[in-house]
N, C-alpha and C. Protein backbone atom coordinates (compact mmCIF):
# COMPACT_ATOMS: atom_id res chain seq x y z
N MET A 1 30.96 60.80 -55.48
CA MET A 1 29.55 61.04 -55.96
C MET A 1 29.01 61.85 -54.77
N ASN A 2 28.24 62.94 -55.13
CA ASN A 2 27.73 63.91 -54.16
C ASN A 2 26.23 63.53 -54.05
N ARG A 3 25.56 64.33 -52.99
CA ARG A 3 24.13 63.72 -52.70
C ARG A 3 23.08 64.15 -53.91
N PHE A 4 23.47 64.85 -54.98
CA PHE A 4 22.66 65.06 -56.15
C PHE A 4 22.84 64.08 -57.09
N GLU A 5 23.76 63.41 -57.15
CA GLU A 5 24.09 62.37 -57.97
C GLU A 5 23.61 60.88 -57.76
N ARG A 6 23.22 60.68 -56.32
CA ARG A 6 22.97 59.60 -55.80
C ARG A 6 21.66 58.84 -56.43
N ARG A 7 21.54 57.68 -56.71
CA ARG A 7 20.42 56.93 -57.16
C ARG A 7 19.44 56.79 -55.96
N PRO A 8 18.11 56.72 -56.30
CA PRO A 8 17.19 56.49 -55.31
C PRO A 8 17.28 55.09 -54.79
N LEU A 9 17.27 54.94 -53.23
CA LEU A 9 17.33 53.67 -52.90
C LEU A 9 16.16 52.76 -53.22
N PRO A 10 16.29 51.40 -53.46
CA PRO A 10 15.17 50.68 -53.75
C PRO A 10 14.25 50.55 -52.49
N ALA A 11 13.03 50.72 -52.79
CA ALA A 11 11.97 50.33 -51.88
C ALA A 11 12.24 49.16 -51.34
N GLY A 12 11.88 48.94 -49.96
CA GLY A 12 11.94 47.63 -49.29
C GLY A 12 12.90 47.66 -48.16
N GLU A 13 12.84 46.46 -47.53
CA GLU A 13 13.74 46.41 -46.32
C GLU A 13 15.14 46.11 -46.77
N ALA A 14 16.05 46.66 -46.14
CA ALA A 14 17.58 46.54 -46.52
C ALA A 14 17.94 45.40 -45.56
N GLN A 15 19.20 44.78 -45.81
CA GLN A 15 19.70 43.78 -44.92
C GLN A 15 20.96 44.52 -44.58
N ILE A 16 21.36 44.52 -43.41
CA ILE A 16 22.39 45.43 -42.86
C ILE A 16 23.30 44.44 -41.90
N GLU A 17 24.70 44.59 -42.01
CA GLU A 17 25.64 44.03 -40.93
C GLU A 17 25.93 45.14 -40.11
N PHE A 18 25.72 45.14 -38.80
CA PHE A 18 25.93 46.12 -37.84
C PHE A 18 27.40 45.94 -37.31
N LEU A 19 28.23 46.94 -37.36
CA LEU A 19 29.54 47.02 -36.91
C LEU A 19 29.79 47.87 -35.81
N ASP A 20 30.86 47.94 -35.06
CA ASP A 20 31.13 48.97 -34.10
C ASP A 20 31.30 50.33 -34.86
N GLY A 21 30.24 51.13 -34.44
CA GLY A 21 30.29 52.51 -34.68
C GLY A 21 29.99 52.71 -36.43
N ASP A 22 29.49 51.79 -37.03
CA ASP A 22 29.27 51.83 -38.37
C ASP A 22 28.35 50.61 -38.85
N PHE A 23 27.81 50.57 -40.08
CA PHE A 23 27.17 49.33 -40.63
C PHE A 23 27.43 49.26 -41.86
N ARG A 24 27.34 48.10 -42.55
CA ARG A 24 27.53 47.78 -43.92
C ARG A 24 26.15 47.36 -44.61
N VAL A 25 25.86 47.75 -45.58
CA VAL A 25 24.67 47.39 -46.43
C VAL A 25 24.81 46.20 -47.22
N LEU A 26 24.19 45.07 -46.69
CA LEU A 26 24.49 43.82 -47.41
C LEU A 26 23.40 43.62 -48.71
N ARG A 27 22.29 44.20 -48.55
CA ARG A 27 21.23 44.31 -49.59
C ARG A 27 20.50 45.60 -49.48
N PRO A 28 20.55 46.29 -50.43
CA PRO A 28 19.98 47.79 -50.64
C PRO A 28 18.54 47.71 -50.22
N GLY A 29 17.98 48.85 -49.56
CA GLY A 29 16.78 49.02 -49.37
C GLY A 29 16.74 50.45 -48.77
N SER A 30 15.43 50.75 -48.35
CA SER A 30 15.26 52.16 -47.82
C SER A 30 15.08 52.21 -46.37
N PHE A 31 14.72 51.01 -45.65
CA PHE A 31 14.59 50.92 -44.19
C PHE A 31 15.06 49.65 -43.67
N VAL A 32 15.16 49.52 -42.19
CA VAL A 32 15.37 48.40 -41.47
C VAL A 32 14.17 48.37 -40.52
N ARG A 33 13.93 47.28 -39.75
CA ARG A 33 12.92 47.23 -38.77
C ARG A 33 13.46 47.26 -37.48
N CYS A 34 12.82 48.06 -36.46
CA CYS A 34 13.19 47.85 -35.11
C CYS A 34 12.96 46.40 -34.64
N ALA A 35 14.02 45.95 -33.79
CA ALA A 35 13.78 44.65 -33.29
C ALA A 35 12.70 44.45 -32.28
N VAL A 36 12.54 45.67 -31.48
CA VAL A 36 11.53 45.73 -30.32
C VAL A 36 10.07 46.01 -30.86
N THR A 37 9.94 47.11 -31.68
CA THR A 37 8.72 47.74 -32.01
C THR A 37 8.16 47.04 -33.37
N GLY A 38 9.09 46.84 -34.20
CA GLY A 38 8.76 46.25 -35.55
C GLY A 38 8.56 47.48 -36.44
N GLU A 39 8.79 48.76 -36.16
CA GLU A 39 8.38 49.99 -36.86
C GLU A 39 9.66 50.09 -37.90
N PRO A 40 9.32 50.53 -39.08
CA PRO A 40 10.55 50.77 -40.08
C PRO A 40 11.30 51.95 -39.60
N ILE A 41 12.55 51.74 -39.92
CA ILE A 41 13.69 52.90 -39.56
C ILE A 41 14.29 53.26 -40.93
N ALA A 42 14.17 54.43 -41.37
CA ALA A 42 14.67 54.69 -42.70
C ALA A 42 16.42 54.69 -42.41
N ILE A 43 16.88 54.29 -43.42
CA ILE A 43 18.49 53.94 -43.37
C ILE A 43 19.15 55.48 -42.83
N GLU A 44 18.75 56.45 -43.41
CA GLU A 44 19.27 57.67 -42.97
C GLU A 44 19.24 58.16 -41.60
N ASP A 45 18.09 57.41 -41.03
CA ASP A 45 17.76 57.79 -39.54
C ASP A 45 18.28 56.74 -38.46
N LEU A 46 18.97 55.75 -39.06
CA LEU A 46 19.45 54.57 -38.34
C LEU A 46 20.54 54.98 -37.42
N ARG A 47 20.37 55.05 -36.10
CA ARG A 47 21.27 55.43 -34.92
C ARG A 47 21.61 54.49 -33.97
N TYR A 48 20.77 53.52 -33.71
CA TYR A 48 20.96 52.62 -32.59
C TYR A 48 20.86 51.14 -33.04
N TRP A 49 21.77 50.36 -32.68
CA TRP A 49 21.95 49.02 -33.05
C TRP A 49 22.75 48.21 -32.00
N ASP A 50 22.72 46.98 -32.06
CA ASP A 50 23.42 46.05 -31.15
C ASP A 50 24.40 45.18 -32.08
N VAL A 51 25.60 45.20 -31.89
CA VAL A 51 26.44 44.41 -32.74
C VAL A 51 26.45 43.08 -32.54
N ASP A 52 26.37 42.59 -31.24
CA ASP A 52 26.30 41.25 -30.77
C ASP A 52 24.96 40.33 -31.23
N ARG A 53 23.96 41.23 -31.08
CA ARG A 53 22.60 40.66 -31.42
C ARG A 53 22.13 41.01 -33.02
N GLN A 54 22.95 41.88 -33.58
CA GLN A 54 22.66 42.11 -35.04
C GLN A 54 21.39 42.71 -35.15
N GLU A 55 20.88 43.57 -34.32
CA GLU A 55 19.48 44.33 -34.32
C GLU A 55 19.54 45.66 -34.34
N ALA A 56 18.47 46.33 -35.06
CA ALA A 56 18.45 47.71 -35.07
C ALA A 56 17.22 48.20 -34.06
N TYR A 57 17.45 49.27 -33.51
CA TYR A 57 16.54 49.86 -32.59
C TYR A 57 16.05 51.28 -33.03
N SER A 58 14.84 51.68 -33.01
CA SER A 58 14.21 53.01 -33.31
C SER A 58 14.58 54.03 -32.47
N THR A 59 14.74 53.65 -31.13
CA THR A 59 14.98 54.73 -29.95
C THR A 59 15.90 54.11 -28.96
N PRO A 60 16.62 54.86 -28.13
CA PRO A 60 17.37 54.44 -27.03
C PRO A 60 16.35 53.65 -26.14
N GLN A 61 15.17 54.22 -25.89
CA GLN A 61 14.23 53.36 -24.99
C GLN A 61 14.03 52.01 -25.45
N ALA A 62 13.94 51.79 -27.00
CA ALA A 62 13.63 50.41 -27.43
C ALA A 62 14.79 49.53 -26.98
N LYS A 63 16.11 49.97 -27.11
CA LYS A 63 17.27 49.15 -26.83
C LYS A 63 17.18 48.80 -25.23
N LEU A 64 16.76 49.67 -24.36
CA LEU A 64 16.61 49.55 -22.98
C LEU A 64 15.57 48.44 -22.79
N LYS A 65 14.47 48.56 -23.44
CA LYS A 65 13.41 47.48 -23.23
C LYS A 65 13.89 46.12 -23.65
N ARG A 66 14.66 46.11 -24.86
CA ARG A 66 15.28 44.84 -25.13
C ARG A 66 16.21 44.26 -24.06
N LEU A 67 17.03 45.01 -23.47
CA LEU A 67 17.83 44.62 -22.49
C LEU A 67 17.23 44.36 -21.18
N GLY A 68 16.11 44.71 -21.03
CA GLY A 68 15.19 44.48 -19.67
C GLY A 68 15.54 45.40 -18.66
N VAL A 69 15.91 46.62 -19.09
CA VAL A 69 16.14 47.83 -18.09
C VAL A 69 14.79 48.44 -17.87
N ASN A 70 14.22 48.44 -16.66
CA ASN A 70 13.15 49.19 -16.16
C ASN A 70 13.42 50.71 -16.28
N GLN A 71 12.43 51.41 -16.92
CA GLN A 71 12.82 52.94 -16.96
C GLN A 71 11.50 53.59 -16.22
N PRO A 72 11.78 54.80 -15.52
CA PRO A 72 10.94 55.48 -14.88
C PRO A 72 9.74 55.94 -15.49
């Protein structure tokens, strides 16, 4: 299936299983929520997550904040 044949993603929050270097969609949706900020992250923009905590992050800074790392 190419990108022109894809069906639109259902609106709403997706349920994702985060894996090492990849993720698996358990329940389709158009976004997930950042575990730190709560802002929605479009599935196609999802780049940062923690496998052990099974959490998504909107930015690298959000991940560092979750880990308690002080930033300059």
